[in-house]
All heavy atoms as atom14 arrays in JSON, in Angstrom:
{
  "sequence": "FEDIRRIREAHSIIINNLEKDFPSLKKFALQLGTNEFKLKYGF",
  "atom14_mask": [
    [1, 1, 1, 1, 1, 1, 1, 1, 1, 1, 1, 0, 0, 0],
    [1, 1, 1, 1, 1, 1, 1, 1, 1, 0, 0, 0, 0, 0],
    [1, 1, 1, 1, 1, 1, 1, 1, 0, 0, 0, 0, 0, 0],
    [1, 1, 1, 1, 1, 1, 1, 1, 0, 0, 0, 0, 0, 0],
    [1, 1, 1, 1, 1, 1, 1, 1, 1, 1, 1, 0, 0, 0],
    [1, 1, 1, 1, 1, 1, 1, 1, 1, 1, 1, 0, 0, 0],
    [1, 1, 1, 1, 1, 1, 1, 1, 0, 0, 0, 0, 0, 0],
    [1, 1, 1, 1, 1, 1, 1, 1, 1, 1, 1, 0, 0, 0],
    [1, 1, 1, 1, 1, 1, 1, 1, 1, 0, 0, 0, 0, 0],
    [1, 1, 1, 1, 1, 0, 0, 0, 0, 0, 0, 0, 0, 0],
    [1, 1, 1, 1, 1, 1, 1, 1, 1, 1, 0, 0, 0, 0],
    [1, 1, 1, 1, 1, 1, 0, 0, 0, 0, 0, 0, 0, 0],
    [1, 1, 1, 1, 1, 1, 1, 1, 0, 0, 0, 0, 0, 0],
    [1, 1, 1, 1, 1, 1, 1, 1, 0, 0, 0, 0, 0, 0],
    [1, 1, 1, 1, 1, 1, 1, 1, 0, 0, 0, 0, 0, 0],
    [1, 1, 1, 1, 1, 1, 1, 1, 0, 0, 0, 0, 0, 0],
    [1, 1, 1, 1, 1, 1, 1, 1, 0, 0, 0, 0, 0, 0],
    [1, 1, 1, 1, 1, 1, 1, 1, 0, 0, 0, 0, 0, 0],
    [1, 1, 1, 1, 1, 1, 1, 1, 1, 0, 0, 0, 0, 0],
    [1, 1, 1, 1, 1, 1, 1, 1, 1, 0, 0, 0, 0, 0],
    [1, 1, 1, 1, 1, 1, 1, 1, 0, 0, 0, 0, 0, 0],
    [1, 1, 1, 1, 1, 1, 1, 1, 1, 1, 1, 0, 0, 0],
    [1, 1, 1, 1, 1, 1, 1, 0, 0, 0, 0, 0, 0, 0],
    [1, 1, 1, 1, 1, 1, 0, 0, 0, 0, 0, 0, 0, 0],
    [1, 1, 1, 1, 1, 1, 1, 1, 0, 0, 0, 0, 0, 0],
    [1, 1, 1, 1, 1, 1, 1, 1, 1, 0, 0, 0, 0, 0],
    [1, 1, 1, 1, 1, 1, 1, 1, 1, 0, 0, 0, 0, 0],
    [1, 1, 1, 1, 1, 1, 1, 1, 1, 1, 1, 0, 0, 0],
    [1, 1, 1, 1, 1, 0, 0, 0, 0, 0, 0, 0, 0, 0],
    [1, 1, 1, 1, 1, 1, 1, 1, 0, 0, 0, 0, 0, 0],
    [1, 1, 1, 1, 1, 1, 1, 1, 1, 0, 0, 0, 0, 0],
    [1, 1, 1, 1, 1, 1, 1, 1, 0, 0, 0, 0, 0, 0],
    [1, 1, 1, 1, 0, 0, 0, 0, 0, 0, 0, 0, 0, 0],
    [1, 1, 1, 1, 1, 1, 1, 0, 0, 0, 0, 0, 0, 0],
    [1, 1, 1, 1, 1, 1, 1, 1, 0, 0, 0, 0, 0, 0],
    [1, 1, 1, 1, 1, 1, 1, 1, 1, 0, 0, 0, 0, 0],
    [1, 1, 1, 1, 1, 1, 1, 1, 1, 1, 1, 0, 0, 0],
    [1, 1, 1, 1, 1, 1, 1, 1, 1, 0, 0, 0, 0, 0],
    [1, 1, 1, 1, 1, 1, 1, 1, 0, 0, 0, 0, 0, 0],
    [1, 1, 1, 1, 1, 1, 1, 1, 1, 0, 0, 0, 0, 0],
    [1, 1, 1, 1, 1, 1, 1, 1, 1, 1, 1, 1, 0, 0],
    [1, 1, 1, 1, 0, 0, 0, 0, 0, 0, 0, 0, 0, 0],
    [1, 1, 1, 1, 1, 1, 1, 1, 1, 1, 1, 0, 0, 0]
  ],
  "atom14_positions": [
    [[93.25, 190.0, -78.88], [92.27, 189.76, -77.82], [91.23, 188.81, -78.35], [90.71, 187.96, -77.59], [91.61, 191.07, -77.37], [92.36, 191.71, -76.25], [93.45, 192.54, -76.5], [92.05, 191.45, -74.93], [94.15, 193.14, -75.47], [92.74, 192.07, -73.89], [93.79, 192.9, -74.18], [0.0, 0.0, 0.0], [0.0, 0.0, 0.0], [0.0, 0.0, 0.0]],
    [[90.88, 188.93, -79.63], [89.87, 188.03, -80.23], [90.4, 186.59, -80.28], [89.7, 185.62, -80.02], [89.5, 188.47, -81.64], [88.41, 187.72, -82.28], [87.05, 187.84, -81.56], [86.88, 188.83, -80.78], [86.2, 186.99, -81.78], [0.0, 0.0, 0.0], [0.0, 0.0, 0.0], [0.0, 0.0, 0.0], [0.0, 0.0, 0.0], [0.0, 0.0, 0.0]],
    [[91.69, 186.41, -80.58], [92.32, 185.09, -80.59], [92.26, 184.49, -79.2], [91.91, 183.33, -79.0], [93.79, 185.19, -81.04], [93.91, 185.55, -82.5], [93.03, 185.19, -83.29], [94.93, 186.23, -82.85], [0.0, 0.0, 0.0], [0.0, 0.0, 0.0], [0.0, 0.0, 0.0], [0.0, 0.0, 0.0], [0.0, 0.0, 0.0], [0.0, 0.0, 0.0]],
    [[92.59, 185.31, -78.17], [92.6, 184.79, -76.78], [91.18, 184.41, -76.35], [90.99, 183.41, -75.69], [93.17, 185.87, -75.86], [94.7, 186.07, -76.17], [93.0, 185.48, -74.39], [95.3, 187.23, -75.44], [0.0, 0.0, 0.0], [0.0, 0.0, 0.0], [0.0, 0.0, 0.0], [0.0, 0.0, 0.0], [0.0, 0.0, 0.0], [0.0, 0.0, 0.0]],
    [[90.18, 185.18, -76.78], [88.8, 184.91, -76.43], [88.4, 183.54, -77.02], [87.75, 182.72, -76.37], [87.89, 185.97, -76.94], [86.4, 185.79, -76.58], [85.52, 186.8, -77.23], [85.5, 186.63, -78.67], [84.78, 185.68, -79.34], [84.05, 184.86, -78.62], [84.82, 185.58, -80.62], [0.0, 0.0, 0.0], [0.0, 0.0, 0.0], [0.0, 0.0, 0.0]],
    [[88.8, 183.28, -78.26], [88.43, 182.03, -78.9], [89.16, 180.86, -78.25], [88.57, 179.76, -78.12], [88.81, 182.1, -80.37], [87.85, 182.98, -81.19], [88.34, 183.24, -82.57], [87.35, 184.0, -83.33], [87.64, 184.73, -84.42], [88.89, 184.81, -84.84], [86.7, 185.4, -85.06], [0.0, 0.0, 0.0], [0.0, 0.0, 0.0], [0.0, 0.0, 0.0]],
    [[90.4, 181.04, -77.84], [91.11, 179.98, -77.15], [90.44, 179.63, -75.83], [90.32, 178.47, -75.44], [92.61, 180.37, -76.91], [93.29, 180.62, -78.25], [93.33, 179.25, -76.16], [93.31, 179.5, -79.21], [0.0, 0.0, 0.0], [0.0, 0.0, 0.0], [0.0, 0.0, 0.0], [0.0, 0.0, 0.0], [0.0, 0.0, 0.0], [0.0, 0.0, 0.0]],
    [[89.96, 180.67, -75.14], [89.25, 180.45, -73.87], [87.94, 179.72, -74.12], [87.53, 178.85, -73.3], [88.99, 181.77, -73.17], [90.24, 182.37, -72.51], [89.95, 183.74, -71.98], [91.11, 184.27, -71.24], [91.27, 185.55, -70.93], [90.3, 186.42, -71.24], [92.31, 185.98, -70.25], [0.0, 0.0, 0.0], [0.0, 0.0, 0.0], [0.0, 0.0, 0.0]],
    [[87.28, 180.03, -75.23], [86.05, 179.29, -75.58], [86.38, 177.83, -75.86], [85.62, 176.93, -75.48], [85.4, 179.92, -76.81], [84.71, 181.25, -76.52], [84.13, 181.88, -77.76], [84.42, 181.41, -78.88], [83.39, 182.89, -77.65], [0.0, 0.0, 0.0], [0.0, 0.0, 0.0], [0.0, 0.0, 0.0], [0.0, 0.0, 0.0], [0.0, 0.0, 0.0]],
    [[87.53, 177.57, -76.5], [87.95, 176.19, -76.79], [88.15, 175.45, -75.47], [87.71, 174.31, -75.34], [89.26, 176.21, -77.59], [0.0, 0.0, 0.0], [0.0, 0.0, 0.0], [0.0, 0.0, 0.0], [0.0, 0.0, 0.0], [0.0, 0.0, 0.0], [0.0, 0.0, 0.0], [0.0, 0.0, 0.0], [0.0, 0.0, 0.0], [0.0, 0.0, 0.0]],
    [[88.77, 176.12, -74.53], [89.02, 175.53, -73.2], [87.72, 175.14, -72.53], [87.57, 174.03, -71.97], [89.78, 176.52, -72.32], [90.13, 176.08, -70.97], [89.26, 176.24, -69.89], [91.25, 175.46, -70.49], [89.85, 175.73, -68.81], [91.04, 175.26, -69.13], [0.0, 0.0, 0.0], [0.0, 0.0, 0.0], [0.0, 0.0, 0.0], [0.0, 0.0, 0.0]],
    [[86.72, 176.03, -72.6], [85.43, 175.78, -71.97], [84.68, 174.64, -72.63], [84.09, 173.79, -72.02], [84.58, 177.05, -72.01], [83.29, 176.85, -71.51], [0.0, 0.0, 0.0], [0.0, 0.0, 0.0], [0.0, 0.0, 0.0], [0.0, 0.0, 0.0], [0.0, 0.0, 0.0], [0.0, 0.0, 0.0], [0.0, 0.0, 0.0], [0.0, 0.0, 0.0]],
    [[84.72, 174.61, -73.99], [84.03, 173.56, -74.72], [84.63, 172.21, -74.44], [83.92, 171.19, -74.29], [84.06, 173.88, -76.26], [83.16, 175.1, -76.55], [83.61, 172.68, -77.06], [83.26, 175.58, -77.98], [0.0, 0.0, 0.0], [0.0, 0.0, 0.0], [0.0, 0.0, 0.0], [0.0, 0.0, 0.0], [0.0, 0.0, 0.0], [0.0, 0.0, 0.0]],
    [[85.95, 172.13, -74.35], [86.59, 170.85, -74.04], [86.17, 170.31, -72.7], [85.79, 169.14, -72.55], [88.15, 171.02, -74.09], [88.61, 171.25, -75.53], [88.81, 169.79, -73.5], [90.06, 171.64, -75.64], [0.0, 0.0, 0.0], [0.0, 0.0, 0.0], [0.0, 0.0, 0.0], [0.0, 0.0, 0.0], [0.0, 0.0, 0.0], [0.0, 0.0, 0.0]],
    [[86.2, 171.17, -71.68], [85.83, 170.75, -70.32], [84.39, 170.27, -70.24], [84.1, 169.31, -69.5], [86.08, 171.94, -69.33], [87.57, 172.18, -69.15], [85.41, 171.65, -67.98], [87.9, 173.35, -68.25], [0.0, 0.0, 0.0], [0.0, 0.0, 0.0], [0.0, 0.0, 0.0], [0.0, 0.0, 0.0], [0.0, 0.0, 0.0], [0.0, 0.0, 0.0]],
    [[83.53, 170.89, -71.03], [82.11, 170.53, -71.01], [81.72, 169.36, -71.91], [80.54, 168.99, -71.98], [81.25, 171.76, -71.33], [81.24, 172.78, -70.18], [80.81, 172.47, -69.08], [81.71, 173.96, -70.43], [0.0, 0.0, 0.0], [0.0, 0.0, 0.0], [0.0, 0.0, 0.0], [0.0, 0.0, 0.0], [0.0, 0.0, 0.0], [0.0, 0.0, 0.0]],
    [[82.67, 168.83, -72.62], [82.36, 167.74, -73.58], [83.38, 166.61, -73.52], [83.78, 166.03, -74.53], [82.31, 168.3, -75.02], [81.15, 169.25, -75.24], [80.01, 168.83, -75.52], [81.39, 170.54, -75.1], [0.0, 0.0, 0.0], [0.0, 0.0, 0.0], [0.0, 0.0, 0.0], [0.0, 0.0, 0.0], [0.0, 0.0, 0.0], [0.0, 0.0, 0.0]],
    [[83.84, 166.29, -72.31], [84.85, 165.26, -72.13], [84.37, 163.91, -72.59], [85.19, 163.05, -73.0], [85.3, 165.2, -70.65], [85.97, 166.42, -70.09], [86.24, 166.26, -68.6], [87.29, 166.72, -70.83], [0.0, 0.0, 0.0], [0.0, 0.0, 0.0], [0.0, 0.0, 0.0], [0.0, 0.0, 0.0], [0.0, 0.0, 0.0], [0.0, 0.0, 0.0]],
    [[83.08, 163.65, -72.53], [82.55, 162.33, -72.86], [82.38, 162.12, -74.36], [82.18, 161.01, -74.85], [81.2, 162.09, -72.18], [80.01, 162.84, -72.79], [79.97, 164.32, -72.46], [80.89, 164.83, -71.8], [78.98, 164.99, -72.86], [0.0, 0.0, 0.0], [0.0, 0.0, 0.0], [0.0, 0.0, 0.0], [0.0, 0.0, 0.0], [0.0, 0.0, 0.0]],
    [[82.55, 163.18, -75.13], [82.3, 163.14, -76.59], [83.55, 162.69, -77.35], [84.68, 162.84, -76.89], [81.88, 164.51, -77.11], [80.64, 165.06, -76.46], [79.41, 164.33, -76.83], [78.13, 164.96, -76.26], [76.92, 164.21, -76.6], [0.0, 0.0, 0.0], [0.0, 0.0, 0.0], [0.0, 0.0, 0.0], [0.0, 0.0, 0.0], [0.0, 0.0, 0.0]],
    [[83.32, 162.12, -78.55], [84.41, 161.88, -79.47], [84.85, 163.23, -80.0], [84.08, 163.93, -80.68], [83.98, 161.0, -80.64], [83.77, 159.52, -80.19], [84.43, 159.15, -79.22], [82.98, 158.82, -80.84], [0.0, 0.0, 0.0], [0.0, 0.0, 0.0], [0.0, 0.0, 0.0], [0.0, 0.0, 0.0], [0.0, 0.0, 0.0], [0.0, 0.0, 0.0]],
    [[86.08, 163.61, -79.72], [86.54, 164.96, -80.07], [86.83, 165.05, -81.57], [87.44, 164.16, -82.17], [87.79, 165.3, -79.26], [87.98, 166.77, -79.07], [87.17, 167.48, -78.23], [88.96, 167.43, -79.76], [87.31, 168.85, -78.07], [89.15, 168.8, -79.59], [88.32, 169.5, -78.75], [0.0, 0.0, 0.0], [0.0, 0.0, 0.0], [0.0, 0.0, 0.0]],
    [[86.37, 166.14, -82.2], [86.66, 166.31, -83.64], [88.15, 166.58, -83.92], [88.92, 166.81, -82.99], [85.8, 167.53, -84.02], [85.7, 168.31, -82.74], [85.66, 167.31, -81.64], [0.0, 0.0, 0.0], [0.0, 0.0, 0.0], [0.0, 0.0, 0.0], [0.0, 0.0, 0.0], [0.0, 0.0, 0.0], [0.0, 0.0, 0.0], [0.0, 0.0, 0.0]],
    [[88.49, 166.62, -85.16], [89.87, 166.98, -85.52], [90.12, 168.41, -85.16], [89.17, 169.22, -85.07], [90.08, 166.77, -87.04], [89.31, 167.69, -87.78], [0.0, 0.0, 0.0], [0.0, 0.0, 0.0], [0.0, 0.0, 0.0], [0.0, 0.0, 0.0], [0.0, 0.0, 0.0], [0.0, 0.0, 0.0], [0.0, 0.0, 0.0], [0.0, 0.0, 0.0]],
    [[91.37, 168.78, -84.99], [91.72, 170.15, -84.62], [91.26, 171.11, -85.72], [90.91, 172.26, -85.45], [93.22, 170.28, -84.39], [93.73, 169.66, -83.1], [95.27, 169.89, -83.0], [93.05, 170.25, -81.88], [0.0, 0.0, 0.0], [0.0, 0.0, 0.0], [0.0, 0.0, 0.0], [0.0, 0.0, 0.0], [0.0, 0.0, 0.0], [0.0, 0.0, 0.0]],
    [[91.31, 170.68, -86.98], [90.91, 171.55, -88.07], [89.41, 171.88, -87.99], [89.03, 173.03, -88.09], [91.15, 170.86, -89.41], [90.89, 171.72, -90.62], [91.27, 171.01, -91.94], [91.01, 171.93, -93.14], [91.38, 171.23, -94.4], [0.0, 0.0, 0.0], [0.0, 0.0, 0.0], [0.0, 0.0, 0.0], [0.0, 0.0, 0.0], [0.0, 0.0, 0.0]],
    [[88.58, 170.86, -87.73], [87.14, 171.09, -87.59], [86.85, 171.95, -86.36], [85.98, 172.84, -86.36], [86.39, 169.77, -87.49], [86.29, 169.03, -88.8], [85.44, 167.77, -88.67], [85.28, 167.05, -89.98], [84.47, 165.82, -89.85], [0.0, 0.0, 0.0], [0.0, 0.0, 0.0], [0.0, 0.0, 0.0], [0.0, 0.0, 0.0], [0.0, 0.0, 0.0]],
    [[87.52, 171.65, -85.23], [87.33, 172.39, -84.01], [87.71, 173.86, -84.19], [87.01, 174.76, -83.72], [88.15, 171.75, -82.9], [87.85, 172.27, -81.55], [86.54, 172.53, -81.14], [88.84, 172.46, -80.6], [86.25, 173.04, -79.86], [88.57, 172.94, -79.32], [87.28, 173.23, -78.98], [0.0, 0.0, 0.0], [0.0, 0.0, 0.0], [0.0, 0.0, 0.0]],
    [[88.81, 174.11, -84.89], [89.26, 175.49, -85.14], [88.24, 176.22, -85.99], [87.95, 177.43, -85.75], [90.63, 175.44, -85.83], [0.0, 0.0, 0.0], [0.0, 0.0, 0.0], [0.0, 0.0, 0.0], [0.0, 0.0, 0.0], [0.0, 0.0, 0.0], [0.0, 0.0, 0.0], [0.0, 0.0, 0.0], [0.0, 0.0, 0.0], [0.0, 0.0, 0.0]],
    [[87.68, 175.56, -87.0], [86.64, 176.19, -87.84], [85.4, 176.56, -87.05], [84.81, 177.62, -87.25], [86.24, 175.23, -88.97], [87.25, 175.07, -90.12], [86.8, 174.03, -91.09], [87.46, 176.38, -90.85], [0.0, 0.0, 0.0], [0.0, 0.0, 0.0], [0.0, 0.0, 0.0], [0.0, 0.0, 0.0], [0.0, 0.0, 0.0], [0.0, 0.0, 0.0]],
    [[85.01, 175.68, -86.09], [83.86, 176.04, -85.24], [84.16, 177.27, -84.42], [83.25, 178.12, -84.2], [83.55, 174.88, -84.29], [82.47, 175.17, -83.28], [82.17, 174.05, -82.33], [82.25, 172.87, -82.67], [81.79, 174.38, -81.12], [0.0, 0.0, 0.0], [0.0, 0.0, 0.0], [0.0, 0.0, 0.0], [0.0, 0.0, 0.0], [0.0, 0.0, 0.0]],
    [[85.39, 177.45, -83.96], [85.74, 178.59, -83.16], [85.98, 179.86, -83.97], [86.06, 180.93, -83.42], [87.02, 178.28, -82.37], [86.91, 177.15, -81.34], [88.31, 176.7, -80.9], [86.11, 177.6, -80.12], [0.0, 0.0, 0.0], [0.0, 0.0, 0.0], [0.0, 0.0, 0.0], [0.0, 0.0, 0.0], [0.0, 0.0, 0.0], [0.0, 0.0, 0.0]],
    [[86.07, 179.68, -85.3], [86.29, 180.86, -86.17], [87.76, 181.22, -86.29], [88.08, 182.38, -86.53], [0.0, 0.0, 0.0], [0.0, 0.0, 0.0], [0.0, 0.0, 0.0], [0.0, 0.0, 0.0], [0.0, 0.0, 0.0], [0.0, 0.0, 0.0], [0.0, 0.0, 0.0], [0.0, 0.0, 0.0], [0.0, 0.0, 0.0], [0.0, 0.0, 0.0]],
    [[88.63, 180.23, -86.16], [90.07, 180.49, -86.29], [90.66, 179.38, -87.12], [89.94, 178.59, -87.75], [90.76, 180.57, -84.91], [92.13, 180.92, -85.05], [90.65, 179.27, -84.14], [0.0, 0.0, 0.0], [0.0, 0.0, 0.0], [0.0, 0.0, 0.0], [0.0, 0.0, 0.0], [0.0, 0.0, 0.0], [0.0, 0.0, 0.0], [0.0, 0.0, 0.0]],
    [[91.99, 179.28, -87.19], [92.63, 178.2, -87.94], [93.38, 177.27, -87.01], [93.59, 177.57, -85.84], [93.56, 178.75, -89.02], [94.65, 179.64, -88.47], [95.44, 179.2, -87.62], [94.7, 180.88, -88.87], [0.0, 0.0, 0.0], [0.0, 0.0, 0.0], [0.0, 0.0, 0.0], [0.0, 0.0, 0.0], [0.0, 0.0, 0.0], [0.0, 0.0, 0.0]],
    [[93.77, 176.1, -87.57], [94.38, 175.05, -86.73], [95.66, 175.52, -86.09], [95.94, 175.21, -84.93], [94.63, 173.82, -87.6], [95.17, 172.62, -86.82], [95.39, 171.4, -87.69], [94.95, 171.44, -88.85], [96.0, 170.45, -87.24], [0.0, 0.0, 0.0], [0.0, 0.0, 0.0], [0.0, 0.0, 0.0], [0.0, 0.0, 0.0], [0.0, 0.0, 0.0]],
    [[96.46, 176.3, -86.87], [97.74, 176.77, -86.32], [97.54, 177.65, -85.11], [98.22, 177.5, -84.09], [98.53, 177.49, -87.42], [99.85, 178.02, -86.93], [100.93, 177.22, -86.7], [99.98, 179.41, -86.68], [102.14, 177.71, -86.24], [101.18, 179.93, -86.24], [102.27, 179.09, -85.99], [0.0, 0.0, 0.0], [0.0, 0.0, 0.0], [0.0, 0.0, 0.0]],
    [[96.67, 178.63, -85.21], [96.45, 179.58, -84.09], [95.84, 178.83, -82.91], [96.19, 179.2, -81.76], [95.52, 180.71, -84.55], [96.23, 181.85, -85.26], [95.29, 183.04, -85.36], [96.08, 184.23, -86.01], [95.21, 185.43, -86.1], [0.0, 0.0, 0.0], [0.0, 0.0, 0.0], [0.0, 0.0, 0.0], [0.0, 0.0, 0.0], [0.0, 0.0, 0.0]],
    [[95.0, 177.87, -83.14], [94.42, 177.1, -82.04], [95.51, 176.34, -81.3], [95.58, 176.42, -80.08], [93.39, 176.12, -82.58], [92.83, 175.12, -81.58], [92.11, 175.81, -80.44], [91.89, 174.13, -82.28], [0.0, 0.0, 0.0], [0.0, 0.0, 0.0], [0.0, 0.0, 0.0], [0.0, 0.0, 0.0], [0.0, 0.0, 0.0], [0.0, 0.0, 0.0]],
    [[96.38, 175.66, -82.03], [97.45, 174.87, -81.4], [98.46, 175.78, -80.67], [98.83, 175.54, -79.51], [98.19, 174.05, -82.44], [97.3, 172.9, -82.98], [97.83, 172.35, -84.27], [99.16, 171.6, -84.12], [99.57, 170.98, -85.38], [0.0, 0.0, 0.0], [0.0, 0.0, 0.0], [0.0, 0.0, 0.0], [0.0, 0.0, 0.0], [0.0, 0.0, 0.0]],
    [[98.86, 176.86, -81.36], [99.84, 177.78, -80.77], [99.25, 178.53, -79.57], [99.88, 178.64, -78.53], [100.32, 178.78, -81.83], [101.25, 179.78, -81.32], [102.64, 179.54, -81.24], [100.81, 181.04, -80.87], [103.52, 180.49, -80.71], [101.68, 182.0, -80.35], [103.05, 181.72, -80.32], [103.91, 182.64, -79.81], [0.0, 0.0, 0.0], [0.0, 0.0, 0.0]],
    [[98.05, 179.05, -79.78], [97.42, 179.88, -78.69], [97.12, 179.03, -77.48], [97.3, 179.53, -76.35], [0.0, 0.0, 0.0], [0.0, 0.0, 0.0], [0.0, 0.0, 0.0], [0.0, 0.0, 0.0], [0.0, 0.0, 0.0], [0.0, 0.0, 0.0], [0.0, 0.0, 0.0], [0.0, 0.0, 0.0], [0.0, 0.0, 0.0], [0.0, 0.0, 0.0]],
    [[96.66, 177.82, -77.67], [96.35, 176.96, -76.52], [97.59, 176.65, -75.71], [97.57, 176.66, -74.49], [95.66, 175.68, -77.0], [94.81, 174.98, -75.96], [93.47, 175.26, -75.89], [95.39, 174.12, -75.02], [92.68, 174.63, -74.92], [94.64, 173.52, -74.07], [93.27, 173.77, -74.01], [0.0, 0.0, 0.0], [0.0, 0.0, 0.0], [0.0, 0.0, 0.0]]
  ]
}
């Protein structure tokens, strides 16, 4: 459930920052408190 919550947060952050230069998936995953593999797979 914690993984799913973080993926939903990722979804919300992306939608609210479309105009920004998006960071690498590794940096984005660290911000969410997960790893790149779980972010990619879970999304």
